[in-house]
Amino acid sequence: MINRHAYVSKSKRNTKKLTIDKVKKLVLQSMTTNDRFNMVFYIDETIYPEGKELVIGKNKYHVAFDTIMVFVDEEPGKNWAHNCRYLFFDVHTGNVKEVHERFPPSLTKLPPTFQVIWKPEGIPSFALLGEGESKRRKKGR
């Protein structure tokens, strides 16, 4: 599991806002050995404004702060529902809220704003959301 404390800022508001690139670096720097060998990390390149409603699986979440979202597939290649989590980064403070879930951002196709930021060696492309999901459907699986 990612060391959440690496993301948390003591101040209420930083003078520099978090960017997509900074969040990618924070995630990659804070990964555990288990994360590196077993989990796929995706980032949504959309910055969601405070108050935005996000639907994840069967749950609705109201964004409490301007947010950059990271999705962590903890069991890539398994059918859904399985363990996954979301990291919501406050772009103003650097604080992160972690939410455990059972569903990916989409059960069909990932929005084009999502990209893989970490994939362990040996994880086949069919195990990735988006490209892998569409390949499985084409093959009739």
C-alpha atoms as a PDB file:
ATOM      1  CA  MET A   1       0.000   0.000   0.000  1.00  0.00           C
ATOM      2  CA  ILE A   2       1.236   3.479  -0.806  1.00  0.00           C
ATOM      3  CA  ASN A   3       2.648   5.501   2.054  1.00  0.00           C
ATOM      4  CA  ARG A   4      -0.063   8.147   2.255  1.00  0.00           C
ATOM      5  CA  HIS A   5       1.965  10.304   4.601  1.00  0.00           C
ATOM      6  CA  ALA A   6       4.388  11.079   1.802  1.00  0.00           C
ATOM      7  CA  TYR A   7       1.657  13.129   0.122  1.00  0.00           C
ATOM      8  CA  VAL A   8       0.335  15.021   3.121  1.00  0.00           C
ATOM      9  CA  SER A   9       1.368  18.607   3.577  1.00  0.00           C
ATOM     10  CA  LYS A  10       1.338  20.175   7.040  1.00  0.00           C
ATOM     11  CA  SER A  11       0.230  23.566   5.709  1.00  0.00           C
ATOM     12  CA  LYS A  12      -3.341  24.417   4.854  1.00  0.00           C
ATOM     13  CA  ARG A  13      -2.485  25.847   1.443  1.00  0.00           C
ATOM     14  CA  ASN A  14       0.688  25.588  -0.574  1.00  0.00           C
ATOM     15  CA  THR A  15       1.801  28.485  -2.712  1.00  0.00           C
ATOM     16  CA  LYS A  16       2.421  26.054  -5.573  1.00  0.00           C
ATOM     17  CA  LYS A  17      -0.453  23.947  -6.816  1.00  0.00           C
ATOM     18  CA  LEU A  18       0.028  20.262  -7.512  1.00  0.00           C
ATOM     19  CA  THR A  19       0.165  19.413 -11.185  1.00  0.00           C
ATOM     20  CA  ILE A  20      -0.501  16.145 -12.979  1.00  0.00           C
ATOM     21  CA  ASP A  21       3.255  15.636 -13.411  1.00  0.00           C
ATOM     22  CA  LYS A  22       3.957  16.302  -9.724  1.00  0.00           C
ATOM     23  CA  VAL A  23       1.300  13.775  -8.685  1.00  0.00           C
ATOM     24  CA  LYS A  24       2.809  11.161 -11.024  1.00  0.00           C
ATOM     25  CA  LYS A  25       6.218  11.717  -9.420  1.00  0.00           C
ATOM     26  CA  LEU A  26       4.778  11.542  -5.890  1.00  0.00           C
ATOM     27  CA  VAL A  27       3.030   8.259  -6.666  1.00  0.00           C
ATOM     28  CA  LEU A  28       6.101   6.679  -8.254  1.00  0.00           C
ATOM     29  CA  GLN A  29       8.376   7.812  -5.402  1.00  0.00           C
ATOM     30  CA  SER A  30       6.017   6.498  -2.716  1.00  0.00           C
ATOM     31  CA  MET A  31       5.253   3.037  -4.090  1.00  0.00           C
ATOM     32  CA  THR A  32       6.032   0.038  -1.917  1.00  0.00           C
ATOM     33  CA  THR A  33       7.697  -3.127  -3.192  1.00  0.00           C
ATOM     34  CA  ASN A  34       4.296  -4.827  -3.242  1.00  0.00           C
ATOM     35  CA  ASP A  35       2.874  -1.956  -5.326  1.00  0.00           C
ATOM     36  CA  ARG A  36       5.737  -2.181  -7.819  1.00  0.00           C
ATOM     37  CA  PHE A  37       5.373  -5.922  -8.388  1.00  0.00           C
ATOM     38  CA  ASN A  38       1.610  -6.353  -8.289  1.00  0.00           C
ATOM     39  CA  MET A  39      -0.424  -3.242  -9.017  1.00  0.00           C
ATOM     40  CA  VAL A  40      -1.235  -1.030 -11.980  1.00  0.00           C
ATOM     41  CA  PHE A  41      -1.519   2.719 -11.395  1.00  0.00           C
ATOM     42  CA  TYR A  42      -3.536   5.057 -13.604  1.00  0.00           C
ATOM     43  CA  ILE A  43      -3.902   8.821 -13.429  1.00  0.00           C
ATOM     44  CA  ASP A  44      -6.829  10.843 -14.674  1.00  0.00           C
ATOM     45  CA  GLU A  45      -5.444  13.962 -16.311  1.00  0.00           C
ATOM     46  CA  THR A  46      -8.601  15.878 -15.475  1.00  0.00           C
ATOM     47  CA  ILE A  47      -8.502  18.211 -12.497  1.00  0.00           C
ATOM     48  CA  TYR A  48     -11.927  17.852 -10.902  1.00  0.00           C
ATOM     49  CA  PRO A  49     -13.314  20.995  -9.270  1.00  0.00           C
ATOM     50  CA  GLU A  50     -14.563  21.055  -5.700  1.00  0.00           C
ATOM     51  CA  GLY A  51     -18.210  19.939  -5.609  1.00  0.00           C
ATOM     52  CA  LYS A  52     -18.009  17.685  -8.690  1.00  0.00           C
ATOM     53  CA  GLU A  53     -19.888  14.396  -8.356  1.00  0.00           C
ATOM     54  CA  LEU A  54     -17.967  11.279  -9.416  1.00  0.00           C
ATOM     55  CA  VAL A  55     -19.722   7.937  -9.889  1.00  0.00           C
ATOM     56  CA  ILE A  56     -17.498   4.953  -9.134  1.00  0.00           C
ATOM     57  CA  GLY A  57     -19.144   1.560  -9.346  1.00  0.00           C
ATOM     58  CA  LYS A  58     -22.394   1.885  -7.437  1.00  0.00           C
ATOM     59  CA  ASN A  59     -21.197   4.786  -5.278  1.00  0.00           C
ATOM     60  CA  LYS A  60     -21.289   8.540  -5.738  1.00  0.00           C
ATOM     61  CA  TYR A  61     -18.545  10.738  -4.358  1.00  0.00           C
ATOM     62  CA  HIS A  62     -18.647  14.512  -4.046  1.00  0.00           C
ATOM     63  CA  VAL A  63     -15.229  16.015  -4.492  1.00  0.00           C
ATOM     64  CA  ALA A  64     -14.413  18.033  -1.358  1.00  0.00           C
ATOM     65  CA  PHE A  65     -11.514  19.932  -2.956  1.00  0.00           C
ATOM     66  CA  ASP A  66      -9.985  20.538  -6.386  1.00  0.00           C
ATOM     67  CA  THR A  67      -8.735  17.037  -7.119  1.00  0.00           C
ATOM     68  CA  ILE A  68      -6.356  14.986  -9.209  1.00  0.00           C
ATOM     69  CA  MET A  69      -7.451  11.332  -9.139  1.00  0.00           C
ATOM     70  CA  VAL A  70      -5.228   8.254  -9.248  1.00  0.00           C
ATOM     71  CA  PHE A  71      -6.770   4.802  -9.685  1.00  0.00           C
ATOM     72  CA  VAL A  72      -4.918   1.743  -8.348  1.00  0.00           C
ATOM     73  CA  ASP A  73      -5.868  -1.688  -9.692  1.00  0.00           C
ATOM     74  CA  GLU A  74      -4.699  -3.984  -6.900  1.00  0.00           C
ATOM     75  CA  GLU A  75      -5.506  -7.203  -8.780  1.00  0.00           C
ATOM     76  CA  PRO A  76      -4.972  -6.564 -12.499  1.00  0.00           C
ATOM     77  CA  GLY A  77      -6.353  -9.220 -14.804  1.00  0.00           C
ATOM     78  CA  LYS A  78      -9.158 -10.318 -12.493  1.00  0.00           C
ATOM     79  CA  ASN A  79     -12.750  -9.712 -13.403  1.00  0.00           C
ATOM     80  CA  TRP A  80     -14.548  -7.054 -11.405  1.00  0.00           C
ATOM     81  CA  ALA A  81     -15.408  -6.669  -8.524  1.00  0.00           C
ATOM     82  CA  HIS A  82     -12.045  -6.881  -6.818  1.00  0.00           C
ATOM     83  CA  ASN A  83      -9.847  -4.748  -4.595  1.00  0.00           C
ATOM     84  CA  CYS A  84      -8.863  -1.372  -5.926  1.00  0.00           C
ATOM     85  CA  ARG A  85      -8.487   2.107  -4.546  1.00  0.00           C
ATOM     86  CA  TYR A  86      -8.595   5.730  -5.476  1.00  0.00           C
ATOM     87  CA  LEU A  87      -6.248   8.460  -4.353  1.00  0.00           C
ATOM     88  CA  PHE A  88      -7.728  11.942  -4.452  1.00  0.00           C
ATOM     89  CA  PHE A  89      -5.009  14.619  -4.325  1.00  0.00           C
ATOM     90  CA  ASP A  90      -5.946  18.106  -3.169  1.00  0.00           C
ATOM     91  CA  VAL A  91      -4.174  20.334  -5.685  1.00  0.00           C
ATOM     92  CA  HIS A  92      -3.925  23.200  -3.173  1.00  0.00           C
ATOM     93  CA  THR A  93      -2.630  21.423  -0.050  1.00  0.00           C
ATOM     94  CA  GLY A  94      -1.077  18.187  -1.301  1.00  0.00           C
ATOM     95  CA  ASN A  95      -3.282  16.190   1.078  1.00  0.00           C
ATOM     96  CA  VAL A  96      -4.595  12.901  -0.217  1.00  0.00           C
ATOM     97  CA  LYS A  97      -7.778  11.017   0.545  1.00  0.00           C
ATOM     98  CA  GLU A  98      -7.687   7.265  -0.078  1.00  0.00           C
ATOM     99  CA  VAL A  99     -10.918   5.434  -0.891  1.00  0.00           C
ATOM    100  CA  HIS A 100     -11.110   1.645  -1.124  1.00  0.00           C
ATOM    101  CA  GLU A 101     -13.489   0.345  -3.773  1.00  0.00           C
ATOM    102  CA  ARG A 102     -14.397  -2.767  -5.737  1.00  0.00           C
ATOM    103  CA  PHE A 103     -14.889  -1.215  -9.193  1.00  0.00           C
ATOM    104  CA  PRO A 104     -12.783   0.668 -11.744  1.00  0.00           C
ATOM    105  CA  PRO A 105     -13.663   4.143 -13.006  1.00  0.00           C
ATOM    106  CA  SER A 106     -15.620   2.504 -15.833  1.00  0.00           C
ATOM    107  CA  LEU A 107     -16.788  -1.036 -16.530  1.00  0.00           C
ATOM    108  CA  THR A 108     -16.686  -0.452 -20.276  1.00  0.00           C
ATOM    109  CA  LYS A 109     -13.969   1.854 -21.544  1.00  0.00           C
ATOM    110  CA  LEU A 110     -11.780   4.236 -19.612  1.00  0.00           C
ATOM    111  CA  PRO A 111     -12.153   7.901 -20.494  1.00  0.00           C
ATOM    112  CA  PRO A 112      -9.340   9.120 -22.767  1.00  0.00           C
ATOM    113  CA  THR A 113      -8.032  11.291 -19.913  1.00  0.00           C
ATOM    114  CA  PHE A 114      -6.738   8.185 -18.080  1.00  0.00           C
ATOM    115  CA  GLN A 115      -3.225   6.900 -18.615  1.00  0.00           C
ATOM    116  CA  VAL A 116      -1.088   4.197 -17.053  1.00  0.00           C
ATOM    117  CA  ILE A 117       1.688   5.598 -14.891  1.00  0.00           C
ATOM    118  CA  TRP A 118       2.958   2.241 -13.591  1.00  0.00           C
ATOM    119  CA  LYS A 119       2.602  -1.332 -14.816  1.00  0.00           C
ATOM    120  CA  PRO A 120       4.691  -4.140 -13.327  1.00  0.00           C
ATOM    121  CA  GLU A 121       6.755  -6.283 -15.663  1.00  0.00           C
ATOM    122  CA  GLY A 122       4.905  -9.421 -16.625  1.00  0.00           C
ATOM    123  CA  ILE A 123       1.413  -7.903 -16.494  1.00  0.00           C
ATOM    124  CA  PRO A 124      -0.069  -8.643 -19.942  1.00  0.00           C
ATOM    125  CA  SER A 125      -1.772  -5.855 -21.895  1.00  0.00           C
ATOM    126  CA  PHE A 126      -5.143  -7.630 -21.630  1.00  0.00           C
ATOM    127  CA  ALA A 127      -4.997  -7.025 -17.873  1.00  0.00           C
ATOM    128  CA  LEU A 128      -4.981  -3.256 -18.381  1.00  0.00           C
ATOM    129  CA  LEU A 129      -8.192  -1.283 -18.336  1.00  0.00           C
ATOM    130  CA  GLY A 130      -9.146   0.429 -21.549  1.00  0.00           C
ATOM    131  CA  GLU A 131      -7.069  -1.235 -24.257  1.00  0.00           C
ATOM    132  CA  GLY A 132      -7.188  -4.627 -22.582  1.00  0.00           C
ATOM    133  CA  GLU A 133     -10.925  -4.393 -21.913  1.00  0.00           C
ATOM    134  CA  SER A 134     -11.722  -3.600 -25.549  1.00  0.00           C
ATOM    135  CA  LYS A 135      -9.528  -6.480 -26.778  1.00  0.00           C
ATOM    136  CA  ARG A 136     -11.406  -8.935 -24.538  1.00  0.00           C
ATOM    137  CA  ARG A 137     -14.763  -7.761 -25.887  1.00  0.00           C
ATOM    138  CA  LYS A 138     -13.586  -8.088 -29.508  1.00  0.00           C
ATOM    139  CA  LYS A 139     -12.549 -11.669 -28.832  1.00  0.00           C
ATOM    140  CA  GLY A 140     -15.948 -12.388 -27.293  1.00  0.00           C
ATOM    141  CA  ARG A 141     -14.722 -13.048 -23.776  1.00  0.00           C
END
